[in-house]
Amino acid sequence: MGSTLYFGDYSGRMHAVWARTGRERWSTGTSGAKFGFSSGTFYSTPAVGFGRVYAGNTDGKVYSFGAKTGELDWSKSTGGYVYSSPAIVNVNGIGPTVYIGSYDSNLYALDARTGSVRWTHRGPGRISGGVTVIGTIAYFADLASHSTSGVDIRTGKLVFHRNRGAFNPVVSDGQRIYLTGYASLSALEPLHRARSRRG
C-alpha cells in the first residue's frame, strides 16, 4: 500500500489518506464501521503488511483493519494499555506474526491473520515503546526496570537482556545494534567481530 499513509488519532479512529494528495481514502472507528463507535485512543504507530493495518489502542486491544477498506478484521484484548507500536514478520514455518507489547508487561506474538496468541513473554514491567525485530530476535524495553530484552521470534524464549532501555529498544545498520537507553546510546557488535579486531 505504498501510495497510502495510515495513522490513528486520539479520538480512537484509524485513517488512510492518499500520499500524493492527502485526501481521505477511509476512516473507521474501533468497531470497524465507517464513522462507528471508538472505545479508546490510538497512540501506537501502525504497521502495514499482509494486506492489513495493525495498531494498539489504549482500550487494551490490538486491532487489525483491512488496508484497502478499513474493515475490522479482528481485535485482541490484552491486560493493559497498548501504547506499543507493532512489528510484523512473516516467520518461516509459522507464518505472518504481529509482535506487540502491553502495559500488562507481556510481549505478545499474535497470528497476523486471526489475532490468536502464538505465545506471550512476561517482561519486567510495562511495555510502552515499539518492538524491533532484527533477524530472529524481537527486542523490547520496559518502564519498570529501564532494561531491554530480546526473545526468540518463534518461541518467546529470552535470549538477550541489558540493563538499559525504557521506550523504543534497538536499531541496526547491519553491522551493529544500537541500544537506546533511558539516557544513553550503546553500540553493540557481534562477539566474533570484536574478538577479531582485538587480535
N, C-alpha and C. Protein backbone atom coordinates (compact mmCIF):
# COMPACT_ATOMS: atom_id res chain seq x y z
N MET A 1 0.84 -1.19 0.00
CA MET A 1 0.00 0.00 0.00
C MET A 1 0.88 1.24 0.00
N GLY A 2 1.88 1.27 -0.91
CA GLY A 2 2.87 2.34 -0.91
C GLY A 2 2.32 3.71 -1.21
N SER A 3 1.13 3.81 -1.80
CA SER A 3 0.56 5.12 -2.14
C SER A 3 -0.34 5.67 -1.04
N THR A 4 -0.39 5.00 0.10
CA THR A 4 -1.31 5.36 1.16
C THR A 4 -0.58 5.56 2.48
N LEU A 5 -1.00 6.57 3.25
CA LEU A 5 -0.48 6.81 4.60
C LEU A 5 -1.55 6.41 5.60
N TYR A 6 -1.13 5.74 6.67
CA TYR A 6 -2.06 5.26 7.70
C TYR A 6 -1.68 5.86 9.04
N PHE A 7 -2.67 6.30 9.80
CA PHE A 7 -2.40 6.82 11.14
C PHE A 7 -3.68 6.75 11.97
N GLY A 8 -3.48 6.62 13.28
CA GLY A 8 -4.59 6.67 14.22
C GLY A 8 -4.59 7.98 14.96
N ASP A 9 -5.70 8.28 15.66
CA ASP A 9 -5.76 9.55 16.39
C ASP A 9 -6.32 9.35 17.79
N TYR A 10 -6.32 10.42 18.56
CA TYR A 10 -6.74 10.34 19.96
C TYR A 10 -8.25 10.22 20.11
N SER A 11 -9.00 10.34 19.04
CA SER A 11 -10.44 10.08 19.11
C SER A 11 -10.73 8.59 18.95
N GLY A 12 -9.67 7.82 18.67
CA GLY A 12 -9.85 6.38 18.52
C GLY A 12 -10.16 5.94 17.11
N ARG A 13 -9.87 6.79 16.13
CA ARG A 13 -10.14 6.45 14.75
C ARG A 13 -8.83 6.14 14.02
N MET A 14 -8.93 5.24 13.05
CA MET A 14 -7.82 4.92 12.17
C MET A 14 -8.14 5.51 10.80
N HIS A 15 -7.12 6.11 10.17
CA HIS A 15 -7.34 6.81 8.91
C HIS A 15 -6.37 6.31 7.84
N ALA A 16 -6.82 6.36 6.60
CA ALA A 16 -5.98 6.11 5.44
C ALA A 16 -6.16 7.28 4.49
N VAL A 17 -5.05 7.90 4.07
CA VAL A 17 -5.13 9.02 3.13
C VAL A 17 -4.17 8.76 1.97
N TRP A 18 -4.54 9.26 0.80
CA TRP A 18 -3.67 9.13 -0.38
C TRP A 18 -2.41 9.96 -0.17
N ALA A 19 -1.25 9.35 -0.40
CA ALA A 19 0.02 10.02 -0.11
C ALA A 19 0.24 11.26 -0.96
N ARG A 20 -0.20 11.26 -2.20
CA ARG A 20 0.06 12.40 -3.10
C ARG A 20 -0.81 13.61 -2.79
N THR A 21 -2.04 13.35 -2.37
CA THR A 21 -2.99 14.46 -2.23
C THR A 21 -3.43 14.72 -0.80
N GLY A 22 -3.27 13.73 0.09
CA GLY A 22 -3.78 13.87 1.46
C GLY A 22 -5.28 13.65 1.57
N ARG A 23 -5.92 13.32 0.46
CA ARG A 23 -7.36 13.08 0.51
C ARG A 23 -7.66 11.77 1.22
N GLU A 24 -8.75 11.77 1.94
CA GLU A 24 -9.12 10.59 2.71
C GLU A 24 -9.50 9.42 1.81
N ARG A 25 -8.92 8.27 2.16
CA ARG A 25 -9.28 7.03 1.48
C ARG A 25 -10.35 6.30 2.27
N TRP A 26 -10.12 6.20 3.58
CA TRP A 26 -11.14 5.72 4.50
C TRP A 26 -10.81 6.16 5.91
N SER A 27 -11.84 6.12 6.77
CA SER A 27 -11.70 6.44 8.19
C SER A 27 -12.65 5.54 8.94
N THR A 28 -12.16 4.94 10.03
CA THR A 28 -13.01 3.98 10.73
C THR A 28 -12.74 4.01 12.23
N GLY A 29 -13.74 3.64 13.01
CA GLY A 29 -13.59 3.51 14.45
C GLY A 29 -13.18 2.10 14.82
N THR A 30 -12.97 1.87 16.09
CA THR A 30 -12.53 0.54 16.53
C THR A 30 -13.63 -0.51 16.43
N SER A 31 -14.87 -0.08 16.17
CA SER A 31 -15.93 -1.04 15.90
C SER A 31 -15.85 -1.52 14.46
N GLY A 32 -15.05 -0.82 13.64
CA GLY A 32 -14.87 -1.21 12.26
C GLY A 32 -15.86 -0.58 11.31
N ALA A 33 -16.91 0.05 11.82
CA ALA A 33 -17.91 0.67 10.95
C ALA A 33 -17.48 2.08 10.60
N LYS A 34 -17.77 2.50 9.39
CA LYS A 34 -17.44 3.85 8.99
C LYS A 34 -18.18 4.82 9.90
N PHE A 35 -17.44 5.76 10.48
CA PHE A 35 -17.97 6.70 11.47
C PHE A 35 -18.52 5.98 12.69
N GLY A 36 -18.00 4.78 12.98
CA GLY A 36 -18.53 3.96 14.07
C GLY A 36 -17.93 4.32 15.42
N PHE A 37 -18.41 3.66 16.44
CA PHE A 37 -18.02 3.88 17.83
C PHE A 37 -16.55 3.53 18.03
N SER A 38 -15.84 4.31 18.85
CA SER A 38 -14.46 4.03 19.21
C SER A 38 -14.35 4.07 20.73
N SER A 39 -13.63 3.09 21.28
CA SER A 39 -13.61 2.96 22.73
C SER A 39 -12.33 3.46 23.38
N GLY A 40 -11.28 3.74 22.59
CA GLY A 40 -10.02 4.20 23.17
C GLY A 40 -9.31 5.13 22.21
N THR A 41 -8.02 5.38 22.46
CA THR A 41 -7.24 6.26 21.59
C THR A 41 -6.08 5.48 20.98
N PHE A 42 -5.69 5.90 19.78
CA PHE A 42 -4.53 5.31 19.12
C PHE A 42 -3.31 6.16 19.39
N TYR A 43 -2.42 5.65 20.22
CA TYR A 43 -1.10 6.25 20.45
C TYR A 43 -0.07 5.50 19.62
N SER A 44 -0.32 4.21 19.43
CA SER A 44 0.55 3.31 18.69
C SER A 44 0.68 3.73 17.23
N THR A 45 1.91 3.72 16.71
CA THR A 45 2.12 3.89 15.27
C THR A 45 1.76 2.59 14.58
N PRO A 46 0.91 2.62 13.55
CA PRO A 46 0.51 1.36 12.91
C PRO A 46 1.62 0.73 12.09
N ALA A 47 1.51 -0.58 11.91
CA ALA A 47 2.37 -1.32 10.98
C ALA A 47 1.47 -1.86 9.88
N VAL A 48 1.96 -1.84 8.65
CA VAL A 48 1.16 -2.25 7.50
C VAL A 48 1.84 -3.41 6.78
N GLY A 49 1.09 -4.48 6.55
CA GLY A 49 1.61 -5.63 5.82
C GLY A 49 0.55 -6.70 5.72
N PHE A 50 0.76 -7.62 4.81
CA PHE A 50 -0.16 -8.75 4.61
C PHE A 50 -1.57 -8.27 4.27
N GLY A 51 -1.67 -7.06 3.68
CA GLY A 51 -2.96 -6.52 3.30
C GLY A 51 -3.75 -5.92 4.45
N ARG A 52 -3.08 -5.69 5.58
CA ARG A 52 -3.77 -5.19 6.76
C ARG A 52 -2.98 -4.09 7.46
N VAL A 53 -3.67 -3.39 8.36
CA VAL A 53 -3.08 -2.36 9.20
C VAL A 53 -3.22 -2.81 10.65
N TYR A 54 -2.11 -2.81 11.40
CA TYR A 54 -2.12 -3.29 12.78
C TYR A 54 -1.72 -2.16 13.72
N ALA A 55 -2.45 -2.01 14.84
CA ALA A 55 -2.11 -0.97 15.81
C ALA A 55 -2.69 -1.31 17.17
N GLY A 56 -2.02 -0.83 18.22
CA GLY A 56 -2.52 -0.97 19.58
C GLY A 56 -3.35 0.23 19.97
N ASN A 57 -4.15 0.06 21.02
CA ASN A 57 -5.07 1.11 21.45
C ASN A 57 -5.09 1.17 22.97
N THR A 58 -5.41 2.35 23.53
CA THR A 58 -5.46 2.49 24.98
C THR A 58 -6.64 1.78 25.61
N ASP A 59 -7.53 1.20 24.80
CA ASP A 59 -8.60 0.37 25.37
C ASP A 59 -8.11 -1.04 25.70
N GLY A 60 -6.78 -1.26 25.53
CA GLY A 60 -6.18 -2.54 25.87
C GLY A 60 -6.22 -3.58 24.77
N LYS A 61 -6.56 -3.16 23.55
CA LYS A 61 -6.69 -4.11 22.45
C LYS A 61 -5.69 -3.81 21.34
N VAL A 62 -5.40 -4.85 20.57
CA VAL A 62 -4.66 -4.75 19.32
C VAL A 62 -5.68 -4.92 18.20
N TYR A 63 -5.59 -4.04 17.18
CA TYR A 63 -6.57 -4.06 16.10
C TYR A 63 -5.91 -4.38 14.77
N SER A 64 -6.68 -5.08 13.91
CA SER A 64 -6.28 -5.36 12.54
C SER A 64 -7.39 -4.89 11.61
N PHE A 65 -7.05 -3.94 10.72
CA PHE A 65 -8.00 -3.42 9.74
C PHE A 65 -7.56 -3.79 8.33
N GLY A 66 -8.50 -3.96 7.43
CA GLY A 66 -8.18 -4.16 6.03
C GLY A 66 -7.52 -2.91 5.47
N ALA A 67 -6.36 -3.06 4.82
CA ALA A 67 -5.62 -1.89 4.34
C ALA A 67 -6.37 -1.15 3.24
N LYS A 68 -7.14 -1.85 2.44
CA LYS A 68 -7.86 -1.21 1.33
C LYS A 68 -9.19 -0.61 1.75
N THR A 69 -9.84 -1.22 2.74
CA THR A 69 -11.22 -0.85 3.06
C THR A 69 -11.42 -0.24 4.43
N GLY A 70 -10.51 -0.51 5.37
CA GLY A 70 -10.70 -0.08 6.75
C GLY A 70 -11.60 -1.00 7.54
N GLU A 71 -12.03 -2.09 6.93
CA GLU A 71 -12.90 -3.04 7.63
C GLU A 71 -12.13 -3.71 8.76
N LEU A 72 -12.78 -3.86 9.91
CA LEU A 72 -12.15 -4.50 11.06
C LEU A 72 -12.04 -6.00 10.80
N ASP A 73 -10.80 -6.51 10.80
CA ASP A 73 -10.58 -7.94 10.60
C ASP A 73 -10.64 -8.69 11.93
N TRP A 74 -9.97 -8.15 12.95
CA TRP A 74 -10.02 -8.75 14.28
C TRP A 74 -9.51 -7.75 15.31
N SER A 75 -9.81 -8.03 16.57
CA SER A 75 -9.22 -7.31 17.69
C SER A 75 -8.87 -8.32 18.77
N LYS A 76 -7.80 -8.03 19.51
CA LYS A 76 -7.34 -8.95 20.56
C LYS A 76 -7.11 -8.16 21.84
N SER A 77 -7.75 -8.58 22.92
CA SER A 77 -7.59 -7.91 24.21
C SER A 77 -6.31 -8.34 24.91
N THR A 78 -5.65 -7.37 25.55
CA THR A 78 -4.53 -7.66 26.44
C THR A 78 -4.95 -7.22 27.84
N GLY A 79 -4.03 -7.29 28.77
CA GLY A 79 -4.39 -6.92 30.13
C GLY A 79 -4.08 -5.49 30.50
N GLY A 80 -3.77 -4.63 29.51
CA GLY A 80 -3.42 -3.25 29.82
C GLY A 80 -3.40 -2.40 28.57
N TYR A 81 -3.11 -1.10 28.75
CA TYR A 81 -3.00 -0.20 27.61
C TYR A 81 -2.01 -0.75 26.58
N VAL A 82 -2.26 -0.48 25.31
CA VAL A 82 -1.31 -0.88 24.27
C VAL A 82 -0.83 0.39 23.56
N TYR A 83 0.21 1.02 24.15
CA TYR A 83 0.87 2.16 23.54
C TYR A 83 1.91 1.71 22.51
N SER A 84 2.39 0.51 22.67
CA SER A 84 3.47 -0.04 21.86
C SER A 84 3.09 -0.08 20.38
N SER A 85 4.09 0.17 19.53
CA SER A 85 3.91 0.01 18.10
C SER A 85 4.33 -1.40 17.71
N PRO A 86 3.59 -2.05 16.82
CA PRO A 86 3.88 -3.44 16.49
C PRO A 86 5.01 -3.59 15.47
N ALA A 87 5.60 -4.77 15.47
CA ALA A 87 6.49 -5.22 14.40
C ALA A 87 5.82 -6.41 13.76
N ILE A 88 5.86 -6.51 12.44
CA ILE A 88 5.23 -7.63 11.74
C ILE A 88 6.26 -8.35 10.90
N VAL A 89 6.24 -9.68 10.96
CA VAL A 89 7.23 -10.50 10.26
C VAL A 89 6.55 -11.76 9.75
N ASN A 90 6.91 -12.17 8.55
CA ASN A 90 6.47 -13.47 8.03
C ASN A 90 7.53 -14.48 8.43
N VAL A 91 7.27 -15.24 9.50
CA VAL A 91 8.26 -16.13 10.10
C VAL A 91 8.21 -17.48 9.40
N ASN A 92 9.37 -17.96 8.95
CA ASN A 92 9.44 -19.26 8.30
C ASN A 92 8.89 -20.36 9.20
N GLY A 93 7.98 -21.15 8.66
CA GLY A 93 7.42 -22.26 9.40
C GLY A 93 6.27 -21.90 10.31
N ILE A 94 6.06 -20.61 10.55
CA ILE A 94 4.97 -20.16 11.42
C ILE A 94 3.97 -19.31 10.65
N GLY A 95 4.50 -18.39 9.84
CA GLY A 95 3.63 -17.52 9.07
C GLY A 95 3.63 -16.10 9.59
N PRO A 96 2.80 -15.23 9.01
CA PRO A 96 2.74 -13.82 9.40
C PRO A 96 2.40 -13.65 10.88
N THR A 97 3.23 -12.86 11.57
CA THR A 97 3.10 -12.70 13.02
C THR A 97 3.24 -11.24 13.40
N VAL A 98 2.43 -10.81 14.37
CA VAL A 98 2.46 -9.46 14.92
C VAL A 98 3.09 -9.52 16.31
N TYR A 99 4.13 -8.72 16.54
CA TYR A 99 4.78 -8.64 17.85
C TYR A 99 4.47 -7.28 18.45
N ILE A 100 3.90 -7.27 19.67
CA ILE A 100 3.49 -6.00 20.27
C ILE A 100 3.49 -6.13 21.79
N GLY A 101 3.85 -5.05 22.47
CA GLY A 101 3.89 -5.04 23.93
C GLY A 101 2.66 -4.38 24.52
N SER A 102 2.43 -4.66 25.82
CA SER A 102 1.28 -4.12 26.53
C SER A 102 1.69 -3.62 27.90
N TYR A 103 0.86 -2.77 28.48
CA TYR A 103 1.08 -2.31 29.85
C TYR A 103 0.85 -3.43 30.86
N ASP A 104 0.38 -4.59 30.43
CA ASP A 104 0.27 -5.72 31.35
C ASP A 104 1.61 -6.44 31.50
N SER A 105 2.68 -5.86 30.90
CA SER A 105 4.07 -6.35 30.99
C SER A 105 4.36 -7.53 30.07
N ASN A 106 3.43 -7.89 29.21
CA ASN A 106 3.64 -9.00 28.30
C ASN A 106 3.97 -8.52 26.90
N LEU A 107 4.89 -9.25 26.25
CA LEU A 107 5.10 -9.13 24.83
C LEU A 107 4.26 -10.23 24.17
N TYR A 108 3.46 -9.83 23.19
CA TYR A 108 2.56 -10.77 22.52
C TYR A 108 3.06 -11.08 21.11
N ALA A 109 3.00 -12.35 20.74
CA ALA A 109 3.17 -12.77 19.36
C ALA A 109 1.80 -13.26 18.90
N LEU A 110 1.20 -12.54 17.95
CA LEU A 110 -0.16 -12.85 17.50
C LEU A 110 -0.14 -13.31 16.06
N ASP A 111 -0.99 -14.27 15.75
CA ASP A 111 -1.20 -14.67 14.36
C ASP A 111 -1.75 -13.47 13.60
N ALA A 112 -1.05 -13.01 12.59
CA ALA A 112 -1.46 -11.80 11.88
C ALA A 112 -2.79 -11.97 11.14
N ARG A 113 -3.16 -13.21 10.83
CA ARG A 113 -4.41 -13.44 10.10
C ARG A 113 -5.63 -13.47 11.01
N THR A 114 -5.45 -13.99 12.24
CA THR A 114 -6.60 -14.24 13.11
C THR A 114 -6.57 -13.49 14.44
N GLY A 115 -5.39 -13.04 14.87
CA GLY A 115 -5.25 -12.41 16.17
C GLY A 115 -5.04 -13.39 17.31
N SER A 116 -5.03 -14.69 17.02
CA SER A 116 -4.83 -15.67 18.08
C SER A 116 -3.40 -15.58 18.61
N VAL A 117 -3.22 -15.92 19.88
CA VAL A 117 -1.91 -15.78 20.54
C VAL A 117 -1.02 -16.97 20.21
N ARG A 118 0.12 -16.69 19.64
CA ARG A 118 1.11 -17.75 19.40
C ARG A 118 1.89 -18.03 20.70
N TRP A 119 2.32 -16.96 21.37
CA TRP A 119 2.96 -17.06 22.68
C TRP A 119 2.99 -15.68 23.32
N THR A 120 3.24 -15.66 24.63
CA THR A 120 3.48 -14.41 25.34
C THR A 120 4.77 -14.56 26.14
N HIS A 121 5.46 -13.44 26.32
CA HIS A 121 6.65 -13.42 27.18
C HIS A 121 6.44 -12.33 28.22
N ARG A 122 6.56 -12.72 29.48
CA ARG A 122 6.38 -11.78 30.58
C ARG A 122 7.66 -10.97 30.78
N GLY A 123 7.58 -9.66 30.59
CA GLY A 123 8.72 -8.79 30.79
C GLY A 123 8.79 -8.26 32.20
N PRO A 124 9.83 -7.46 32.51
CA PRO A 124 9.99 -6.92 33.87
C PRO A 124 8.97 -5.86 34.26
N GLY A 125 8.33 -5.23 33.27
CA GLY A 125 7.38 -4.16 33.59
C GLY A 125 6.62 -3.71 32.36
N ARG A 126 5.90 -2.61 32.50
CA ARG A 126 5.05 -2.09 31.42
C ARG A 126 5.86 -1.84 30.16
N ILE A 127 5.33 -2.28 29.02
CA ILE A 127 5.98 -2.08 27.73
C ILE A 127 5.26 -0.95 27.01
N SER A 128 5.96 0.16 26.83
CA SER A 128 5.36 1.34 26.22
C SER A 128 5.84 1.56 24.80
N GLY A 129 7.14 1.31 24.55
CA GLY A 129 7.72 1.58 23.24
C GLY A 129 7.42 0.48 22.23
N GLY A 130 7.87 0.73 21.01
CA GLY A 130 7.67 -0.22 19.93
C GLY A 130 8.54 -1.45 20.08
N VAL A 131 8.24 -2.45 19.26
CA VAL A 131 9.02 -3.68 19.20
C VAL A 131 9.87 -3.62 17.93
N THR A 132 11.12 -4.08 18.02
CA THR A 132 12.01 -4.15 16.87
C THR A 132 12.40 -5.59 16.65
N VAL A 133 12.23 -6.08 15.43
CA VAL A 133 12.68 -7.43 15.09
C VAL A 133 13.91 -7.31 14.20
N ILE A 134 15.00 -7.92 14.66
CA ILE A 134 16.24 -7.98 13.88
C ILE A 134 16.64 -9.45 13.81
N GLY A 135 16.70 -9.97 12.60
CA GLY A 135 16.99 -11.39 12.43
C GLY A 135 15.88 -12.23 13.04
N THR A 136 16.23 -13.06 14.00
CA THR A 136 15.25 -13.94 14.65
C THR A 136 14.96 -13.51 16.08
N ILE A 137 15.26 -12.25 16.41
CA ILE A 137 15.05 -11.76 17.78
C ILE A 137 14.12 -10.56 17.77
N ALA A 138 13.15 -10.58 18.66
CA ALA A 138 12.25 -9.44 18.88
C ALA A 138 12.72 -8.72 20.15
N TYR A 139 13.05 -7.44 20.01
CA TYR A 139 13.56 -6.64 21.12
C TYR A 139 12.46 -5.71 21.64
N PHE A 140 12.44 -5.53 22.96
CA PHE A 140 11.52 -4.59 23.58
C PHE A 140 12.14 -4.05 24.86
N ALA A 141 11.70 -2.87 25.27
CA ALA A 141 12.17 -2.25 26.51
C ALA A 141 10.99 -2.08 27.45
N ASP A 142 11.27 -1.88 28.73
CA ASP A 142 10.18 -1.73 29.70
C ASP A 142 10.42 -0.53 30.60
N LEU A 143 9.33 -0.02 31.19
CA LEU A 143 9.39 1.18 32.00
C LEU A 143 9.78 0.92 33.46
N ALA A 144 9.61 -0.31 33.94
CA ALA A 144 9.87 -0.59 35.35
C ALA A 144 11.35 -0.71 35.66
N SER A 145 12.06 -1.55 34.91
CA SER A 145 13.47 -1.79 35.19
C SER A 145 14.40 -1.00 34.28
N HIS A 146 13.82 -0.24 33.33
CA HIS A 146 14.63 0.51 32.35
C HIS A 146 15.65 -0.42 31.70
N SER A 147 15.16 -1.56 31.23
CA SER A 147 16.02 -2.55 30.59
C SER A 147 15.46 -2.93 29.22
N THR A 148 16.31 -3.57 28.42
CA THR A 148 15.93 -4.04 27.09
C THR A 148 16.12 -5.54 27.04
N SER A 149 15.13 -6.22 26.49
CA SER A 149 15.17 -7.68 26.37
C SER A 149 14.99 -8.07 24.92
N GLY A 150 15.48 -9.25 24.58
CA GLY A 150 15.29 -9.82 23.26
C GLY A 150 14.84 -11.26 23.39
N VAL A 151 13.83 -11.64 22.63
CA VAL A 151 13.31 -13.01 22.69
C VAL A 151 13.29 -13.62 21.30
N ASP A 152 13.38 -14.94 21.25
CA ASP A 152 13.30 -15.67 20.00
C ASP A 152 11.92 -15.48 19.39
N ILE A 153 11.85 -15.11 18.10
CA ILE A 153 10.57 -14.79 17.49
C ILE A 153 9.67 -16.02 17.34
N ARG A 154 10.23 -17.22 17.37
CA ARG A 154 9.42 -18.42 17.23
C ARG A 154 8.83 -18.89 18.56
N THR A 155 9.61 -18.72 19.64
CA THR A 155 9.23 -19.35 20.90
C THR A 155 8.95 -18.36 22.04
N GLY A 156 9.46 -17.14 21.95
CA GLY A 156 9.35 -16.19 23.05
C GLY A 156 10.39 -16.40 24.14
N LYS A 157 11.34 -17.31 23.90
CA LYS A 157 12.39 -17.58 24.89
C LYS A 157 13.38 -16.41 24.95
N LEU A 158 13.72 -16.00 26.17
CA LEU A 158 14.65 -14.88 26.38
C LEU A 158 16.05 -15.26 25.91
N VAL A 159 16.64 -14.42 25.04
CA VAL A 159 17.99 -14.67 24.54
C VAL A 159 18.91 -13.46 24.73
N PHE A 160 18.36 -12.32 25.17
CA PHE A 160 19.16 -11.12 25.34
C PHE A 160 18.55 -10.27 26.45
N HIS A 161 19.40 -9.68 27.28
CA HIS A 161 18.92 -8.75 28.31
C HIS A 161 20.05 -7.79 28.66
N ARG A 162 19.71 -6.50 28.72
CA ARG A 162 20.69 -5.48 29.12
C ARG A 162 19.98 -4.44 29.96
N ASN A 163 20.62 -3.99 31.01
CA ASN A 163 20.00 -3.05 31.95
C ASN A 163 20.06 -1.62 31.46
N ARG A 164 19.58 -1.41 30.25
CA ARG A 164 19.41 -0.07 29.69
C ARG A 164 18.18 -0.12 28.79
N GLY A 165 17.41 0.94 28.82
CA GLY A 165 16.22 0.99 27.98
C GLY A 165 15.09 1.68 28.70
N ALA A 166 13.93 1.66 28.10
CA ALA A 166 12.70 2.18 28.67
C ALA A 166 11.62 2.26 27.59
N PHE A 167 11.98 2.83 26.45
CA PHE A 167 10.98 3.06 25.42
C PHE A 167 11.30 2.21 24.19
N ASN A 168 11.62 2.83 23.05
CA ASN A 168 11.96 2.04 21.87
C ASN A 168 13.32 1.39 22.06
N PRO A 169 13.47 0.11 21.68
CA PRO A 169 14.63 -0.66 22.11
C PRO A 169 15.90 -0.48 21.29
N VAL A 170 15.94 -0.99 20.07
CA VAL A 170 17.19 -1.02 19.30
C VAL A 170 16.93 -0.69 17.83
N VAL A 171 17.99 -0.27 17.14
CA VAL A 171 18.02 -0.17 15.69
C VAL A 171 19.32 -0.79 15.22
N SER A 172 19.40 -1.10 13.93
CA SER A 172 20.62 -1.72 13.41
C SER A 172 20.95 -1.16 12.04
N ASP A 173 22.26 -1.07 11.75
CA ASP A 173 22.71 -0.67 10.42
C ASP A 173 23.26 -1.86 9.65
N GLY A 174 23.02 -3.07 10.16
CA GLY A 174 23.52 -4.28 9.54
C GLY A 174 24.89 -4.69 10.02
N GLN A 175 25.57 -3.79 10.72
CA GLN A 175 26.90 -4.07 11.27
C GLN A 175 26.85 -4.14 12.79
N ARG A 176 26.12 -3.22 13.39
CA ARG A 176 25.99 -3.14 14.85
C ARG A 176 24.52 -2.98 15.22
N ILE A 177 24.23 -3.26 16.48
CA ILE A 177 22.93 -2.95 17.05
C ILE A 177 23.12 -1.77 18.00
N TYR A 178 22.28 -0.76 17.85
CA TYR A 178 22.36 0.43 18.69
C TYR A 178 21.19 0.41 19.67
N LEU A 179 21.53 0.35 20.95
CA LEU A 179 20.55 0.22 22.01
C LEU A 179 20.24 1.60 22.59
N THR A 180 18.97 1.95 22.57
CA THR A 180 18.53 3.24 23.09
C THR A 180 18.20 3.10 24.57
N GLY A 181 19.05 3.64 25.43
CA GLY A 181 18.79 3.60 26.86
C GLY A 181 17.90 4.75 27.29
N TYR A 182 17.62 4.82 28.57
CA TYR A 182 16.79 5.91 29.10
C TYR A 182 17.49 7.25 28.90
N ALA A 183 18.83 7.27 29.08
CA ALA A 183 19.61 8.50 28.89
C ALA A 183 20.97 8.17 28.28
N SER A 184 21.00 7.17 27.38
CA SER A 184 22.27 6.74 26.81
C SER A 184 22.02 6.07 25.46
N LEU A 185 23.09 5.89 24.70
CA LEU A 185 23.06 5.15 23.45
C LEU A 185 24.27 4.25 23.43
N SER A 186 24.07 2.95 23.23
CA SER A 186 25.17 1.98 23.22
C SER A 186 25.24 1.30 21.86
N ALA A 187 26.46 1.10 21.34
CA ALA A 187 26.68 0.37 20.10
C ALA A 187 27.18 -1.03 20.46
N LEU A 188 26.47 -2.04 20.01
CA LEU A 188 26.82 -3.44 20.29
C LEU A 188 27.17 -4.12 18.97
N GLU A 189 28.20 -4.96 19.00
CA GLU A 189 28.56 -5.68 17.78
C GLU A 189 28.74 -7.15 18.09
N PRO A 190 28.68 -8.02 17.05
CA PRO A 190 28.84 -9.46 17.29
C PRO A 190 30.15 -9.77 17.98
N LEU A 191 30.14 -10.74 18.85
CA LEU A 191 31.30 -11.08 19.66
C LEU A 191 32.48 -11.49 18.79
N HIS A 192 32.23 -12.21 17.70
CA HIS A 192 33.34 -12.67 16.86
C HIS A 192 34.04 -11.48 16.19
N ARG A 193 33.31 -10.42 15.86
CA ARG A 193 33.92 -9.25 15.23
C ARG A 193 34.79 -8.51 16.24
N ALA A 194 34.29 -8.37 17.46
CA ALA A 194 35.07 -7.70 18.50
C ALA A 194 36.35 -8.46 18.81
N ARG A 195 36.26 -9.80 18.85
CA ARG A 195 37.46 -10.61 19.14
C ARG A 195 38.49 -10.51 18.02
N SER A 196 38.04 -10.53 16.77
CA SER A 196 38.99 -10.47 15.64
C SER A 196 39.68 -9.10 15.59
N ARG A 197 39.01 -8.05 15.98
CA ARG A 197 39.63 -6.74 15.97
C ARG A 197 40.69 -6.62 17.07
N ARG A 198 40.46 -7.33 18.18
CA ARG A 198 41.44 -7.31 19.27
C ARG A 198 42.63 -8.22 18.98
N GLY A 199 42.51 -9.06 17.94
CA GLY A 199 43.60 -9.95 17.56
C GLY A 199 43.62 -11.20 18.37
